[in-house]
């Protein structure tokens, strides 16, 4: 943790030294990463997450195709629904549904709301458990039985204020009274239908059903272990039975349905929910990923340009240092630190001081640029290839102030202290 904090401080210090460069870099990366995050969140919620129903892998959309008449996608018909539900060996159950618009009277102000017509097995296939009351039964979905309705949670709160005694009350829909038998849970959404208020049963009469009328959507739940291919083969078998079990509508013949070559076109139910939006989202995700790559390339180019500029500045600085000799503040300090008084006498004594080290700093050798009034100075070799300078001061003379200006020049690896002019 301490290492991380230290590195973080270094990064922040570096960013504070170059605020414009840091701002451009951070904004470029933020735009690329932010756009990818938003699009991926939508993509993950729409395409990658499973449907919010129990065992969503078993849910399929029941569609057909009619290549004989050039129809690629054909919906569900009541005749197919009855035969599939009665004789299928691969479905746990099958349901049929379609959107509707219902007028509500007898409970406050009249209004027009969105509704849904379903068969009795549609909601149980999705694993719905009502918040209040019950769902539809086969009796509710049969003609001649009392008409019923199920409320969505939002409409129940809006219209009835969340009153739990609403079960058993009557509400008039399209001029017909219906009994409220249940309320759906708060978090339930029927596929891609938004703002639903009421759900009513179809109440189809099997004896009046004829071939055709492919105007409804179907969904089914596969039995455990059944594959899509097995279900398609089963539905293809049932299509032949359907053509023999129901009469054609007036003005049509069974041969017309046979020439249409109607075949099953089953798909995962999620494909019905997503539709063509999935392809658009994948294309959008790829485009945004390219934007992120371009942003990273731009940031890399900024670093390269900045690094090249710093390299040019570094070379120019070194060139100025080499071309202009300057005073080294450490030279005299090093000289004074190594002075050793060997002897100091008032008569014929002499004093010597020696510099027994080589000063070599970064490939630069020190030399004596100017020497004044330094009598008796001589140079000899010392230990380790070093140079030694001896100064002799005679009797009766005073110790003259000596100023030795030291310059810097590039030299050999072992520094050379040369004797300058007096």
Protein backbone atom coordinates (compact mmCIF):
# COMPACT_ATOMS: atom_id res chain seq x y z
CA UNK A 1 0.00 0.00 0.00
CA UNK A 2 2.85 2.38 0.78
CA UNK A 3 4.41 1.70 -2.63
CA UNK A 4 1.08 2.38 -4.32
CA UNK A 5 0.69 5.69 -2.46
CA UNK A 6 4.21 6.69 -3.41
CA UNK A 7 3.61 5.90 -7.07
CA UNK A 8 0.31 7.76 -6.95
CA UNK A 9 2.03 10.85 -5.54
CA UNK A 10 4.63 10.67 -8.30
CA UNK A 11 1.93 10.44 -10.97
CA UNK A 12 0.01 13.36 -9.49
CA UNK A 13 3.23 15.40 -9.24
CA UNK A 14 4.00 14.65 -12.89
CA UNK A 15 0.50 15.62 -13.96
CA UNK A 16 0.68 18.88 -12.02
CA UNK A 17 3.87 19.85 -13.87
CA UNK A 18 2.18 19.47 -17.27
CA UNK A 19 -1.47 20.44 -16.73
CA UNK A 20 -2.37 21.03 -20.39
CA UNK A 21 -0.87 17.77 -21.56
CA UNK A 22 -2.48 15.89 -18.66
CA UNK A 23 -5.90 17.45 -19.35
CA UNK A 24 -5.82 16.54 -23.05
CA UNK A 25 -4.73 12.99 -22.27
CA UNK A 26 -7.34 12.43 -19.57
CA UNK A 27 -10.18 13.91 -21.63
CA UNK A 28 -9.27 11.78 -24.66
CA UNK A 29 -9.19 8.58 -22.62
CA UNK A 30 -12.32 9.54 -20.66
CA UNK A 31 -14.34 10.01 -23.84
CA UNK A 32 -13.27 6.65 -25.25
CA UNK A 33 -13.68 4.67 -22.04
CA UNK A 34 -16.94 6.39 -21.09
CA UNK A 35 -18.58 5.75 -24.46
CA UNK A 36 -17.56 2.08 -24.33
CA UNK A 37 -18.88 1.73 -20.80
CA UNK A 38 -22.29 3.17 -21.68
CA UNK A 39 -22.73 1.09 -24.82
CA UNK A 40 -21.52 -2.08 -23.15
CA UNK A 41 -23.94 -1.53 -20.25
CA UNK A 42 -26.83 -1.35 -22.72
CA UNK A 43 -25.50 -4.33 -24.66
CA UNK A 44 -25.06 -6.39 -21.50
CA UNK A 45 -28.56 -5.57 -20.27
CA UNK A 46 -30.28 -6.26 -23.59
CA UNK A 47 -28.30 -9.10 -25.18
CA UNK A 48 -26.11 -10.79 -22.59
CA UNK A 49 -28.42 -11.00 -19.59
CA UNK A 50 -30.95 -13.84 -19.69
CA UNK A 51 -34.67 -13.12 -19.60
CA UNK A 52 -35.99 -12.48 -16.05
CA UNK A 53 -38.02 -15.67 -15.95
CA UNK A 54 -37.35 -19.09 -14.40
CA UNK A 55 -35.24 -21.35 -16.66
CA UNK A 56 -35.15 -18.88 -19.57
CA UNK A 57 -33.19 -21.37 -21.69
CA UNK A 58 -36.37 -23.46 -22.02
CA UNK A 59 -38.48 -20.58 -23.38
CA UNK A 60 -38.92 -20.39 -27.16
CA UNK A 61 -40.88 -18.29 -29.61
CA UNK A 62 -43.16 -20.35 -31.84
CA UNK A 63 -42.99 -19.05 -35.40
CA UNK A 64 -43.53 -20.55 -38.84
CA UNK A 65 -42.34 -19.95 -42.36
CA UNK A 66 -44.09 -20.37 -45.72
CA UNK A 67 -41.49 -20.56 -48.50
CA UNK A 68 -44.17 -21.63 -51.01
CA UNK A 69 -45.69 -18.13 -50.88
CA UNK A 70 -42.49 -16.25 -50.10
CA UNK A 71 -43.17 -15.58 -46.39
CA UNK A 72 -40.08 -15.97 -44.22
CA UNK A 73 -41.74 -15.32 -40.85
CA UNK A 74 -45.29 -16.44 -40.17
CA UNK A 75 -47.02 -15.95 -36.84
CA UNK A 76 -49.15 -18.34 -34.82
CA UNK A 77 -52.72 -19.35 -35.65
CA UNK A 78 -55.44 -20.66 -33.29
CA UNK A 79 -55.56 -23.95 -35.17
CA UNK A 80 -51.82 -24.49 -34.62
CA UNK A 81 -52.21 -23.52 -30.97
CA UNK A 82 -54.86 -26.11 -30.20
CA UNK A 83 -53.07 -29.01 -31.94
CA UNK A 84 -49.68 -28.11 -30.46
CA UNK A 85 -51.09 -27.91 -26.97
CA UNK A 86 -53.02 -31.13 -27.26
CA UNK A 87 -50.52 -33.37 -29.04
CA UNK A 88 -47.01 -31.95 -28.60
CA UNK A 89 -44.45 -34.29 -27.05
CA UNK A 90 -41.72 -31.67 -26.61
CA UNK A 91 -43.58 -28.74 -24.98
CA UNK A 92 -44.47 -28.47 -21.33
CA UNK A 93 -47.10 -25.97 -22.41
CA UNK A 94 -47.73 -23.46 -25.18
CA UNK A 95 -49.36 -20.03 -25.06
CA UNK A 96 -50.64 -17.44 -27.50
CA UNK A 97 -50.91 -13.67 -27.01
CA UNK A 98 -51.47 -10.38 -28.79
CA UNK A 99 -51.67 -6.71 -27.86
CA UNK A 100 -55.01 -4.98 -27.36
CA UNK A 101 -56.57 -1.64 -26.46
CA UNK A 102 -59.39 -1.58 -23.90
CA UNK A 103 -61.80 1.11 -22.76
CA UNK A 104 -62.39 1.19 -19.00
CA UNK A 105 -65.62 2.46 -17.47
CA UNK A 106 -67.43 2.00 -14.19
CA UNK A 107 -64.40 2.87 -12.04
CA UNK A 108 -63.86 6.60 -12.01
CA UNK A 109 -63.24 8.52 -15.21
CA UNK A 110 -63.49 6.54 -18.48
CA UNK A 111 -60.13 5.87 -20.09
CA UNK A 112 -58.45 3.92 -22.86
CA UNK A 113 -55.60 1.67 -21.70
CA UNK A 114 -53.21 -0.85 -23.19
CA UNK A 115 -54.13 -4.45 -22.66
CA UNK A 116 -53.00 -7.95 -23.56
CA UNK A 117 -55.06 -10.92 -24.75
CA UNK A 118 -53.58 -14.26 -23.66
CA UNK A 119 -54.45 -17.92 -23.40
CA UNK A 120 -54.63 -19.39 -19.93
CA UNK A 121 -51.16 -20.97 -20.11
CA UNK A 122 -49.24 -17.89 -21.21
CA UNK A 123 -48.53 -16.33 -17.79
CA UNK A 124 -47.73 -19.66 -16.03
CA UNK A 125 -45.22 -20.48 -18.79
CA UNK A 126 -43.29 -17.36 -17.70
CA UNK A 127 -43.38 -18.47 -14.07
CA UNK A 128 -45.56 -15.60 -12.83
CA UNK A 129 -46.83 -15.68 -9.25
CA UNK A 130 -49.59 -13.08 -8.64
CA UNK A 131 -49.20 -10.50 -5.89
CA UNK A 132 -52.93 -10.77 -5.15
CA UNK A 133 -55.59 -13.27 -6.20
CA UNK A 134 -54.89 -15.79 -8.95
CA UNK A 135 -54.14 -16.16 -12.65
CA UNK A 136 -56.35 -17.50 -15.45
CA UNK A 137 -57.45 -21.12 -15.57
CA UNK A 138 -58.74 -23.15 -18.50
CA UNK A 139 -62.25 -22.40 -17.34
CA UNK A 140 -61.56 -18.65 -17.50
CA UNK A 141 -60.26 -19.15 -21.05
CA UNK A 142 -63.26 -21.14 -22.21
CA UNK A 143 -66.25 -19.55 -23.98
CA UNK A 144 -69.42 -19.23 -21.90
CA UNK A 145 -67.58 -18.80 -18.59
CA UNK A 146 -67.70 -15.56 -16.54
CA UNK A 147 -65.40 -12.95 -18.02
CA UNK A 148 -62.38 -12.10 -15.90
CA UNK A 149 -59.42 -9.68 -15.90
CA UNK A 150 -56.01 -9.47 -14.22
CA UNK A 151 -54.54 -6.06 -13.31
CA UNK A 152 -50.91 -5.09 -13.60
CA UNK A 153 -49.28 -3.77 -10.43
CA UNK A 154 -48.88 -0.24 -11.74
CA UNK A 155 -52.49 0.07 -12.85
CA UNK A 156 -53.71 -1.38 -9.55
CA UNK A 157 -51.80 1.29 -7.63
CA UNK A 158 -52.88 4.06 -10.00
CA UNK A 159 -56.56 3.18 -10.38
CA UNK A 160 -57.37 1.59 -7.04
CA UNK A 161 -54.72 3.08 -4.79
CA UNK A 162 -53.30 -0.32 -3.86
CA UNK A 163 -56.55 -1.45 -2.23
CA UNK A 164 -56.23 -5.16 -1.41
CA UNK A 165 -60.02 -5.60 -1.42
CA UNK A 166 -60.10 -5.05 -5.19
CA UNK A 167 -60.20 -8.82 -5.80
CA UNK A 168 -63.76 -9.81 -6.70
CA UNK A 169 -64.82 -6.35 -7.80
CA UNK A 170 -66.26 -5.72 -11.23
CA UNK A 171 -64.81 -3.42 -13.89
CA UNK A 172 -66.37 -2.65 -17.28
CA UNK A 173 -64.13 -3.25 -20.30
CA UNK A 174 -65.41 -2.41 -23.78
CA UNK A 175 -68.93 -2.28 -22.38
CA UNK A 176 -68.76 -5.74 -20.71
CA UNK A 177 -68.35 -6.28 -16.97
CA UNK A 178 -65.37 -8.38 -15.92
CA UNK A 179 -64.40 -9.69 -12.54
CA UNK A 180 -60.96 -8.75 -11.17
CA UNK A 181 -59.34 -12.03 -10.15
CA UNK A 182 -55.69 -11.07 -9.62
CA UNK A 183 -52.88 -8.50 -9.55
CA UNK A 184 -49.48 -9.17 -11.14
CA UNK A 185 -46.28 -8.66 -9.10
CA UNK A 186 -44.47 -5.32 -9.12
CA UNK A 187 -41.34 -6.44 -10.97
CA UNK A 188 -43.10 -8.41 -13.71
CA UNK A 189 -42.77 -7.25 -17.32
CA UNK A 190 -44.35 -9.15 -20.14
CA UNK A 191 -41.55 -9.51 -22.71
CA UNK A 192 -41.11 -6.18 -24.54
CA UNK A 193 -44.61 -4.83 -23.81
CA UNK A 194 -44.49 -1.57 -21.87
CA UNK A 195 -47.21 0.24 -19.92
CA UNK A 196 -49.62 -2.67 -19.83
CA UNK A 197 -52.65 -2.12 -17.61
CA UNK A 198 -54.99 -5.08 -18.08
CA UNK A 199 -54.71 -8.70 -19.19
CA UNK A 200 -57.73 -10.64 -20.42
CA UNK A 201 -58.17 -14.23 -21.71
CA UNK A 202 -58.88 -15.06 -25.34
CA UNK A 203 -61.79 -17.42 -24.61
CA UNK A 204 -61.47 -19.08 -28.04
CA UNK A 205 -64.12 -21.57 -29.17
CA UNK A 206 -62.29 -24.59 -30.62
CA UNK A 207 -65.35 -25.65 -32.61
CA UNK A 208 -65.34 -22.39 -34.56
CA UNK A 209 -61.61 -22.33 -35.33
CA UNK A 210 -60.53 -22.71 -38.98
CA UNK A 211 -57.18 -22.94 -40.77
CA UNK A 212 -55.23 -19.76 -41.26
CA UNK A 213 -55.55 -16.53 -39.29
CA UNK A 214 -51.81 -16.31 -38.53
CA UNK A 215 -52.26 -13.10 -36.53
CA UNK A 216 -51.01 -14.04 -33.05
CA UNK A 217 -47.69 -14.61 -31.38
CA UNK A 218 -46.83 -17.86 -29.66
CA UNK A 219 -44.42 -18.94 -26.94
CA UNK A 220 -43.73 -22.30 -25.36
CA UNK A 221 -41.61 -23.92 -22.68
CA UNK A 222 -39.59 -26.96 -23.70
CA UNK A 223 -39.49 -30.07 -21.61
CA UNK A 224 -36.17 -30.62 -19.79
CA UNK A 225 -33.51 -32.03 -22.12
CA UNK A 226 -35.40 -31.26 -25.34
CA UNK A 227 -33.38 -29.47 -28.03
CA UNK A 228 -34.58 -26.92 -30.53
CA UNK A 229 -34.13 -29.42 -33.37
CA UNK A 230 -36.30 -32.00 -31.64
CA UNK A 231 -39.00 -29.40 -31.02
CA UNK A 232 -38.90 -28.28 -34.66
CA UNK A 233 -39.33 -31.87 -35.85
CA UNK A 234 -42.28 -32.28 -33.49
CA UNK A 235 -43.97 -29.06 -34.71
CA UNK A 236 -43.44 -30.10 -38.35
CA UNK A 237 -45.27 -33.33 -37.59
CA UNK A 238 -48.12 -31.45 -35.95
CA UNK A 239 -48.54 -29.08 -38.92
CA UNK A 240 -49.70 -32.01 -41.05
CA UNK A 241 -52.19 -32.96 -38.38
CA UNK A 242 -53.47 -29.38 -38.21
CA UNK A 243 -54.27 -29.30 -41.93
CA UNK A 244 -56.41 -32.43 -41.48
CA UNK A 245 -58.08 -31.39 -38.23
CA UNK A 246 -59.59 -28.00 -39.13
CA UNK A 247 -61.54 -26.83 -42.16
CA UNK A 248 -60.19 -24.09 -44.41
CA UNK A 249 -61.88 -20.69 -44.37
CA UNK A 250 -64.59 -19.95 -46.90
CA UNK A 251 -63.20 -19.44 -50.39
CA UNK A 252 -59.98 -21.37 -49.68
CA UNK A 253 -58.95 -24.99 -49.89
CA UNK A 254 -56.60 -27.23 -47.95
CA UNK A 255 -54.36 -27.49 -51.03
CA UNK A 256 -53.62 -23.78 -50.73
CA UNK A 257 -52.11 -24.38 -47.27
CA UNK A 258 -50.22 -27.39 -48.53
CA UNK A 259 -48.73 -25.39 -51.43
CA UNK A 260 -47.60 -22.73 -48.98
CA UNK A 261 -45.28 -25.38 -47.50
CA UNK A 262 -45.72 -24.08 -43.95
CA UNK A 263 -42.83 -25.21 -41.75
CA UNK A 264 -41.69 -24.48 -38.17
CA UNK A 265 -39.34 -21.57 -37.47
CA UNK A 266 -38.67 -21.86 -33.74
CA UNK A 267 -36.24 -19.51 -31.99
CA UNK A 268 -35.18 -18.56 -28.47
CA UNK A 269 -37.75 -16.31 -26.85
CA UNK A 270 -35.08 -13.70 -26.19
CA UNK A 271 -34.75 -13.20 -29.93
CA UNK A 272 -38.41 -12.20 -30.02
CA UNK A 273 -37.81 -9.71 -27.20
CA UNK A 274 -34.65 -8.18 -28.67
CA UNK A 275 -35.57 -8.33 -32.35
CA UNK A 276 -33.32 -6.42 -34.75
CA UNK A 277 -32.03 -4.17 -31.97
CA UNK A 278 -29.37 -6.80 -31.20
CA UNK A 279 -27.66 -6.36 -34.58
CA UNK A 280 -27.71 -2.59 -34.20
CA UNK A 281 -26.17 -2.81 -30.72
CA UNK A 282 -23.36 -5.09 -31.91
CA UNK A 283 -22.52 -2.73 -34.77
CA UNK A 284 -22.61 0.22 -32.37
CA UNK A 285 -20.37 -1.62 -29.91
CA UNK A 286 -17.83 -2.30 -32.64
CA UNK A 287 -17.87 1.36 -33.70
CA UNK A 288 -17.35 2.58 -30.14
CA UNK A 289 -14.50 0.09 -29.68
CA UNK A 290 -12.81 1.62 -32.72
CA UNK A 291 -13.25 5.04 -31.12
CA UNK A 292 -11.45 3.78 -28.02
CA UNK A 293 -8.58 2.40 -30.14
CA UNK A 294 -8.28 5.74 -31.92
CA UNK A 295 -8.24 7.55 -28.58
CA UNK A 296 -5.46 5.27 -27.30
CA UNK A 297 -3.48 5.84 -30.52
CA UNK A 298 -3.85 9.62 -30.11
CA UNK A 299 -2.62 9.46 -26.52
CA UNK A 300 0.36 7.35 -27.61
CA UNK A 301 1.18 9.93 -30.28
CA UNK A 302 1.02 12.70 -27.67
CA UNK A 303 3.53 10.84 -25.50
CA UNK A 304 5.83 10.25 -28.47
CA UNK A 305 5.78 13.93 -29.47
CA UNK A 306 6.38 15.01 -25.90
CA UNK A 307 9.22 12.53 -25.47
CA UNK A 308 10.89 13.74 -28.67
CA UNK A 309 10.62 17.36 -27.51
CA UNK A 310 12.18 16.49 -24.15
CA UNK A 311 15.00 14.65 -25.89
CA UNK A 312 15.78 17.70 -28.05
CA UNK A 313 15.81 19.92 -24.96
CA UNK A 314 18.14 17.50 -23.17
CA UNK A 315 20.59 17.44 -26.09
CA UNK A 316 20.58 21.24 -26.33
CA UNK A 317 21.23 21.57 -22.58
CA UNK A 318 24.20 19.19 -22.71
CA UNK A 319 25.59 21.04 -25.71
CA UNK A 320 25.51 24.34 -23.82
CA UNK A 321 27.26 22.78 -20.81
CA UNK A 322 30.06 21.37 -22.94
CA UNK A 323 30.61 24.48 -25.04
CA UNK A 324 30.72 27.01 -22.15
CA UNK A 325 33.23 26.32 -19.30
CA UNK A 326 31.87 27.32 -15.94
CA UNK A 327 32.98 27.41 -12.35
CA UNK A 328 32.43 24.25 -10.37
CA UNK A 329 31.47 25.07 -6.76
CA UNK A 330 32.64 21.66 -5.60
CA UNK A 331 36.16 21.92 -6.99
CA UNK A 332 37.57 24.22 -4.29
CA UNK A 333 35.75 22.28 -1.61
CA UNK A 334 37.39 19.07 -2.78
CA UNK A 335 40.77 20.83 -2.98
CA UNK A 336 40.52 22.23 0.54
CA UNK A 337 39.33 18.96 2.01
CA UNK A 338 42.37 17.07 0.82
CA UNK A 339 44.99 19.64 1.84
CA UNK A 340 47.40 18.15 4.31
CA UNK A 341 49.96 20.27 6.15
CA UNK A 342 52.98 18.09 6.41
CA UNK A 343 55.32 20.60 7.94
CA UNK A 344 55.17 24.27 8.79
CA UNK A 345 58.40 25.94 10.06
CA UNK A 346 59.40 29.50 10.75
CA UNK A 347 62.97 29.12 9.50
CA UNK A 348 63.98 26.90 6.70
CA UNK A 349 60.94 24.78 7.23
CA UNK A 350 58.62 24.15 4.38
CA UNK A 351 55.11 23.22 4.01
CA UNK A 352 53.57 20.91 1.55
CA UNK A 353 50.08 20.09 0.78
CA UNK A 354 49.06 17.40 -1.55
CA UNK A 355 46.02 16.48 -3.42
CA UNK A 356 46.16 12.72 -3.61
CA UNK A 357 42.98 12.00 -5.43
CA UNK A 358 41.72 12.14 -8.91
CA UNK A 359 38.62 14.22 -9.45
CA UNK A 360 36.66 12.73 -12.24
CA UNK A 361 32.98 13.61 -12.27
CA UNK A 362 30.91 12.19 -15.15
CA UNK A 363 33.83 12.07 -17.57
CA UNK A 364 34.92 15.63 -16.86
CA UNK A 365 38.46 16.25 -15.68
CA UNK A 366 39.43 19.21 -13.61
CA UNK A 367 42.34 21.34 -14.59
CA UNK A 368 43.83 24.47 -13.14
CA UNK A 369 42.65 27.26 -15.37
CA UNK A 370 44.72 30.00 -13.86
CA UNK A 371 47.43 30.08 -11.20
CA UNK A 372 48.92 33.18 -9.64
CA UNK A 373 51.79 33.51 -7.17
CA UNK A 374 52.12 29.84 -6.44
CA UNK A 375 55.91 29.49 -6.25
CA UNK A 376 57.48 26.12 -6.28
CA UNK A 377 54.45 24.29 -7.53
CA UNK A 378 55.28 21.03 -9.17
CA UNK A 379 53.33 18.02 -10.43
CA UNK A 380 54.16 14.37 -9.93
CA UNK A 381 52.33 11.05 -10.19
CA UNK A 382 50.80 9.58 -7.12
CA UNK A 383 49.19 6.34 -6.12
CA UNK A 384 46.58 4.80 -8.32
CA UNK A 385 47.52 7.01 -11.27
CA UNK A 386 46.54 10.15 -9.36
CA UNK A 387 48.32 13.49 -9.58
CA UNK A 388 50.02 15.20 -6.64
CA UNK A 389 50.75 18.91 -6.41
CA UNK A 390 53.45 20.10 -4.02
CA UNK A 391 53.84 23.72 -2.87
CA UNK A 392 57.04 24.85 -1.09
CA UNK A 393 57.09 28.14 0.78
CA UNK A 394 60.53 29.36 1.76
CA UNK A 395 61.77 31.01 4.98
CA UNK A 396 60.86 34.60 5.55
CA UNK A 397 58.16 34.61 2.98
CA UNK A 398 54.53 35.07 3.66
CA UNK A 399 51.84 32.70 2.58
CA UNK A 400 50.59 34.38 -0.50
CA UNK A 401 46.95 34.23 -1.27
CA UNK A 402 46.47 31.92 -4.13
CA UNK A 403 43.42 31.89 -6.29
CA UNK A 404 43.08 28.94 -8.57
CA UNK A 405 40.15 29.14 -10.84
CA UNK A 406 39.03 25.72 -11.87
CA UNK A 407 37.40 25.11 -15.20
CA UNK A 408 35.75 22.05 -16.59
CA UNK A 409 36.59 20.29 -19.78
CA UNK A 410 36.05 16.77 -21.04
CA UNK A 411 39.12 14.67 -20.33
CA UNK A 412 40.36 11.23 -19.93
CA UNK A 413 38.86 8.70 -17.53
CA UNK A 414 41.63 9.50 -14.95
CA UNK A 415 41.54 13.21 -14.32
CA UNK A 416 44.58 15.34 -15.06
CA UNK A 417 45.49 18.36 -12.98
CA UNK A 418 47.76 20.38 -15.17
CA UNK A 419 50.03 23.25 -14.25
CA UNK A 420 48.78 26.51 -15.69
CA UNK A 421 50.37 29.82 -16.38
CA UNK A 422 51.57 32.13 -13.67
